[in-house]
Amino acid sequence: MAYTGGELNELNGKMGISDPKKSVPVMRLIRYHKPKSKDALVQLIQYHKNNKCKCGLVSTGTVREFGERLFASQKKYWGNNRYTLTECIQWEYDLFIVQSLKGGLMEKKALKKLKNEFLNLNFEEAEGYLDDELRIDIIVLNKKNNILGGIQVKPKTFNSMRSEVLYMQKKQNEKWKYPVWFLFYNKDESFDFELKIKNELNSLNLKL
């Protein structure tokens, strides 16, 4: 399994290498173009750097260039190079390609599961500002399509991320006026419906 934690995760976050505005809004790219393979996503990112597309999305670089930026930022952040260029490119590949494709797949699986589990609620994929800035993956609505809240779909390992990452996630979510819940999935891609989210979504059902 691709590993995108550790010191390079800290460096990437602090230096904003994978910030969608500074790199590419990769999840929106995946939703629009639906690449079928890792190679296809690599090529999509490269295409959106060099060409205009009707989807309106733009990449500021290729996956290799994102890795080069990560490598070059080490001296500014640490004062020396702790990782090779190859390691930095591989790390960004795992983040932009491997993890993004997995994340997109799990969001779709989560959407289907939520629709089957809570029949009196509507669920939609979040896009644009909600997705990129507020980190919302799925919007929760009532049957009149009034927004009730949002859901973030994350691997269970997200809970072991650095405290700064968790704090920033929380701050982004708090910019929205609606509650945001987390739906975690395990290594085997099964979902953990924690008691809190299940009770709160069920309570929304009762209020309808």
Protein backbone atom coordinates (compact mmCIF):
# COMPACT_ATOMS: atom_id res chain seq x y z
CA MET A 1 0.00 0.00 0.00
CA ALA A 2 1.26 3.50 -0.85
CA TYR A 3 2.60 5.39 2.15
CA THR A 4 2.08 9.14 2.23
CA GLY A 5 2.81 9.91 5.85
CA GLY A 6 6.00 10.71 7.74
CA GLU A 7 8.36 13.64 7.32
CA LEU A 8 7.55 14.15 3.65
CA ASN A 9 3.89 14.53 4.54
CA GLU A 10 4.88 17.28 6.97
CA LEU A 11 7.08 18.96 4.36
CA ASN A 12 4.43 18.68 1.65
CA GLY A 13 1.78 20.20 3.90
CA LYS A 14 3.91 23.02 5.29
CA MET A 15 5.20 24.05 1.86
CA GLY A 16 1.80 23.68 0.18
CA ILE A 17 3.11 21.44 -2.60
CA SER A 18 -0.17 19.58 -3.12
CA ASP A 19 -2.49 22.52 -2.42
CA PRO A 20 -5.07 22.26 -5.26
CA LYS A 21 -4.50 25.91 -6.17
CA LYS A 22 -0.73 25.38 -6.40
CA SER A 23 -0.80 21.96 -8.07
CA VAL A 24 -3.98 20.43 -9.51
CA PRO A 25 -7.51 19.84 -8.14
CA VAL A 26 -6.99 16.13 -8.66
CA MET A 27 -10.27 14.86 -7.18
CA ARG A 28 -12.27 17.16 -9.46
CA LEU A 29 -10.15 15.95 -12.37
CA ILE A 30 -10.96 12.33 -11.48
CA ARG A 31 -14.69 13.03 -11.13
CA TYR A 32 -14.88 14.78 -14.49
CA HIS A 33 -12.66 12.55 -16.63
CA LYS A 34 -13.00 9.22 -14.77
CA PRO A 35 -9.51 7.82 -15.56
CA LYS A 36 -9.43 4.02 -15.63
CA SER A 37 -5.81 3.53 -14.57
CA LYS A 38 -2.88 5.13 -12.78
CA ASP A 39 -1.13 5.84 -16.08
CA ALA A 40 -4.27 7.53 -17.41
CA LEU A 41 -4.35 9.86 -14.39
CA VAL A 42 -0.65 10.70 -14.78
CA GLN A 43 -1.31 11.62 -18.41
CA LEU A 44 -4.42 13.63 -17.50
CA ILE A 45 -2.45 15.77 -15.07
CA GLN A 46 0.24 16.36 -17.69
CA TYR A 47 -2.38 17.19 -20.34
CA HIS A 48 -4.01 19.78 -18.08
CA LYS A 49 -0.68 21.50 -17.62
CA ASN A 50 -0.02 21.90 -21.33
CA ASN A 51 -3.51 22.21 -22.83
CA LYS A 52 -6.84 23.92 -22.30
CA CYS A 53 -9.68 21.52 -21.57
CA LYS A 54 -13.43 22.03 -21.63
CA CYS A 55 -13.54 20.91 -17.97
CA GLY A 56 -11.84 24.19 -17.06
CA LEU A 57 -9.32 22.53 -14.74
CA VAL A 58 -5.65 23.47 -14.86
CA SER A 59 -2.53 21.78 -13.50
CA THR A 60 0.54 23.82 -12.57
CA GLY A 61 2.82 20.86 -13.25
CA THR A 62 3.28 17.15 -13.83
CA VAL A 63 3.55 14.56 -11.06
CA ARG A 64 7.32 14.53 -11.60
CA GLU A 65 7.44 18.30 -11.23
CA PHE A 66 5.47 18.13 -7.99
CA GLY A 67 8.11 15.69 -6.75
CA GLU A 68 10.86 18.07 -7.86
CA ARG A 69 9.20 20.89 -5.93
CA LEU A 70 9.04 18.68 -2.84
CA PHE A 71 12.71 17.80 -3.22
CA ALA A 72 13.74 21.44 -3.71
CA SER A 73 11.78 22.62 -0.66
CA GLN A 74 13.81 20.48 1.76
CA LYS A 75 16.72 22.91 2.12
CA LYS A 76 14.40 25.83 2.82
CA TYR A 77 12.46 23.86 5.44
CA TRP A 78 15.15 21.63 7.01
CA GLY A 79 18.39 23.20 5.83
CA ASN A 80 19.44 19.98 4.08
CA ASN A 81 18.17 17.18 1.87
CA ARG A 82 16.86 14.23 3.87
CA TYR A 83 15.33 12.46 0.87
CA THR A 84 16.46 11.82 -2.69
CA LEU A 85 14.72 13.23 -5.75
CA THR A 86 13.48 9.72 -6.61
CA GLU A 87 11.91 9.34 -3.15
CA CYS A 88 10.20 12.73 -3.45
CA ILE A 89 8.77 11.96 -6.89
CA GLN A 90 7.54 8.57 -5.66
CA TRP A 91 5.91 10.21 -2.64
CA GLU A 92 3.99 12.70 -4.79
CA TYR A 93 3.05 9.89 -7.21
CA ASP A 94 1.60 7.90 -4.32
CA LEU A 95 -0.31 10.96 -3.11
CA PHE A 96 -1.67 12.31 -6.40
CA ILE A 97 -2.16 9.01 -8.24
CA VAL A 98 -2.47 6.00 -5.93
CA GLN A 99 -4.22 7.62 -2.97
CA SER A 100 -6.41 9.91 -5.08
CA LEU A 101 -7.76 7.02 -7.17
CA LYS A 102 -8.40 5.03 -3.99
CA GLY A 103 -10.05 8.04 -2.33
CA GLY A 104 -12.34 8.62 -5.30
CA LEU A 105 -13.38 4.97 -5.33
CA MET A 106 -14.10 4.97 -1.60
CA GLU A 107 -16.17 8.17 -1.85
CA LYS A 108 -18.40 6.50 -4.45
CA LYS A 109 -18.72 3.37 -2.28
CA ALA A 110 -19.57 5.55 0.71
CA LEU A 111 -22.22 7.42 -1.26
CA LYS A 112 -23.88 4.15 -2.25
CA LYS A 113 -23.75 2.78 1.29
CA LEU A 114 -25.22 5.95 2.80
CA LYS A 115 -28.09 5.95 0.31
CA ASN A 116 -28.89 2.34 1.22
CA GLU A 117 -28.52 2.89 4.96
CA PHE A 118 -30.51 6.12 5.37
CA LEU A 119 -33.49 5.97 3.02
CA ASN A 120 -35.12 9.17 4.28
CA LEU A 121 -32.10 11.31 3.43
CA ASN A 122 -30.47 12.38 0.18
CA PHE A 123 -26.72 12.31 -0.43
CA GLU A 124 -24.72 14.07 -3.15
CA GLU A 125 -21.04 14.38 -4.04
CA ALA A 126 -19.61 17.72 -3.00
CA GLU A 127 -17.81 19.75 -5.66
CA GLY A 128 -15.92 22.99 -6.15
CA TYR A 129 -15.51 25.19 -3.08
CA LEU A 130 -17.05 22.65 -0.70
CA ASP A 131 -14.67 19.94 -1.86
CA ASP A 132 -11.48 21.93 -2.47
CA GLU A 133 -11.62 24.47 0.36
CA LEU A 134 -13.93 23.08 3.04
CA ARG A 135 -12.87 19.43 2.58
CA ILE A 136 -16.44 18.14 2.28
CA ASP A 137 -16.84 14.91 0.26
CA ILE A 138 -20.57 14.22 0.55
CA ILE A 139 -23.50 16.57 1.20
CA VAL A 140 -26.38 15.35 3.40
CA LEU A 141 -29.83 16.67 2.45
CA ASN A 142 -33.44 16.06 3.38
CA LYS A 143 -36.02 14.97 0.82
CA LYS A 144 -36.74 18.62 0.02
CA ASN A 145 -33.03 18.96 -0.85
CA ASN A 146 -32.30 21.29 2.06
CA ILE A 147 -28.71 20.87 3.27
CA LEU A 148 -28.37 19.24 6.70
CA GLY A 149 -24.63 18.64 6.88
CA GLY A 150 -21.60 17.09 5.23
CA ILE A 151 -19.47 13.96 5.41
CA GLN A 152 -15.74 13.43 5.03
CA VAL A 153 -14.65 9.98 3.83
CA LYS A 154 -11.25 9.06 5.25
CA PRO A 155 -9.07 6.00 5.86
CA LYS A 156 -8.98 5.00 9.52
CA THR A 157 -5.27 5.89 9.56
CA PHE A 158 -6.31 9.54 9.22
CA ASN A 159 -6.72 9.62 13.00
CA SER A 160 -2.97 9.03 13.41
CA MET A 161 -2.00 12.03 11.26
CA ARG A 162 -0.06 14.90 12.82
CA SER A 163 -2.08 17.11 15.15
CA GLU A 164 -1.55 20.11 12.84
CA VAL A 165 -3.17 18.24 9.95
CA LEU A 166 -6.17 17.25 12.08
CA TYR A 167 -6.47 20.82 13.36
CA MET A 168 -6.39 22.32 9.86
CA GLN A 169 -9.02 19.82 8.72
CA LYS A 170 -11.25 20.85 11.61
CA LYS A 171 -10.76 24.57 10.91
CA GLN A 172 -11.67 24.13 7.24
CA ASN A 173 -14.81 22.19 8.18
CA GLU A 174 -15.82 24.87 10.69
CA LYS A 175 -15.99 27.48 7.92
CA TRP A 176 -19.21 25.78 6.85
CA LYS A 177 -22.35 26.55 8.86
CA TYR A 178 -23.45 22.92 8.87
CA PRO A 179 -22.17 19.96 10.91
CA VAL A 180 -19.54 17.71 9.33
CA TRP A 181 -19.17 14.02 10.20
CA PHE A 182 -16.36 11.58 9.40
CA LEU A 183 -16.96 8.20 7.81
CA PHE A 184 -13.87 6.00 8.14
CA TYR A 185 -12.91 2.95 6.11
CA ASN A 186 -10.55 0.09 6.96
CA LYS A 187 -7.73 -1.53 4.98
CA ASP A 188 -10.20 -4.06 3.60
CA GLU A 189 -12.33 -1.12 2.35
CA SER A 190 -15.15 -1.83 4.81
CA PHE A 191 -16.75 1.19 6.48
CA ASP A 192 -16.95 1.90 10.17
CA PHE A 193 -20.23 3.60 10.99
CA GLU A 194 -19.28 5.04 14.36
CA LEU A 195 -22.13 5.27 16.84
CA LYS A 196 -22.00 9.08 16.80
CA ILE A 197 -22.52 9.51 13.06
CA LYS A 198 -25.14 6.76 12.96
CA ASN A 199 -27.12 8.27 15.83
CA GLU A 200 -26.91 11.80 14.44
CA LEU A 201 -27.99 10.78 10.94
CA ASN A 202 -30.82 8.71 12.41
CA SER A 203 -31.87 11.71 14.48
CA LEU A 204 -32.06 13.75 11.26
CA ASN A 205 -34.42 11.08 9.93
CA LEU A 206 -36.70 11.54 12.95
CA LYS A 207 -36.90 15.31 12.45
CA LEU A 208 -38.10 15.08 8.86
